[in-house]
Protein backbone atom coordinates (compact mmCIF):
# COMPACT_ATOMS: atom_id res chain seq x y z
CA MET A 1 -26.19 -38.89 -8.18
CA GLY A 2 -23.24 -36.46 -8.47
CA SER A 3 -20.99 -35.45 -5.64
CA LEU A 4 -21.90 -32.29 -3.74
CA LEU A 5 -18.18 -31.53 -3.38
CA GLY A 6 -17.95 -30.90 -7.12
CA VAL A 7 -19.74 -27.55 -6.81
CA LEU A 8 -17.56 -26.13 -4.02
CA PRO A 9 -14.93 -23.44 -4.76
CA SER A 10 -11.39 -24.60 -5.39
CA PHE A 11 -8.02 -23.03 -4.59
CA ASP A 12 -6.29 -25.01 -7.35
CA PRO A 13 -5.42 -22.55 -10.19
CA LEU A 14 -5.46 -25.38 -12.75
CA ASN A 15 -9.21 -25.75 -12.20
CA PHE A 16 -9.78 -22.29 -13.68
CA ASN A 17 -7.99 -22.72 -17.01
CA GLN A 18 -11.19 -23.76 -18.81
CA LEU A 19 -13.45 -20.90 -17.70
CA ARG A 20 -15.25 -19.24 -20.58
CA PRO A 21 -17.54 -16.20 -20.59
CA SER A 22 -21.22 -17.08 -20.71
CA ASP A 23 -21.70 -14.78 -23.72
CA PRO A 24 -18.64 -14.62 -26.03
CA SER A 25 -20.07 -11.60 -27.90
CA ASN A 26 -20.04 -9.57 -24.65
CA PRO A 27 -16.67 -10.19 -22.93
CA CYS A 28 -16.16 -9.16 -19.33
CA LYS A 29 -14.15 -5.96 -18.88
CA LEU A 30 -12.53 -5.72 -15.46
CA MET A 31 -11.04 -2.50 -14.12
CA PRO A 32 -7.83 -2.67 -12.06
CA VAL A 33 -8.33 -2.08 -8.35
CA THR A 34 -4.82 -0.83 -7.57
CA TYR A 35 -3.81 2.69 -8.55
CA HIS A 36 -0.58 2.94 -10.56
CA SER A 37 0.68 6.47 -11.09
CA SER A 38 1.96 7.36 -14.53
CA HIS A 39 4.78 9.45 -13.04
CA ILE A 40 6.07 10.47 -9.61
CA ARG A 41 4.14 13.78 -9.48
CA THR A 42 0.75 12.08 -9.78
CA PRO A 43 -0.95 12.01 -6.37
CA PRO A 44 -2.85 8.87 -5.37
CA PRO A 45 -6.64 8.98 -5.07
CA PRO A 46 -7.85 10.62 -1.83
CA ASP A 47 -9.54 7.42 -0.62
CA GLN A 48 -6.40 5.27 -0.97
CA VAL A 49 -4.72 4.43 2.34
CA ILE A 50 -1.07 3.40 2.31
CA THR A 51 0.39 1.94 5.49
CA THR A 52 3.98 0.88 6.00
CA GLU A 53 3.99 0.01 9.70
CA THR A 54 1.95 -2.40 11.74
CA LYS A 55 0.03 -0.65 14.48
CA PHE A 56 -0.36 -2.53 17.73
CA THR A 57 -3.31 -1.90 20.04
CA TYR A 58 -2.88 -2.78 23.66
């Protein structure tokens, strides 16, 4: 009987170097989550929140 620990997620990046898509003819296309402006005048998306200070609640 195999170990149950073998199916748990791992934080070791070397364990992910052999991952392959289940269907090679249909590769996964991921979209970037972070917005990168193409130049300074490009405004960020309206739903993006940028914080530079930590707010403390007392």
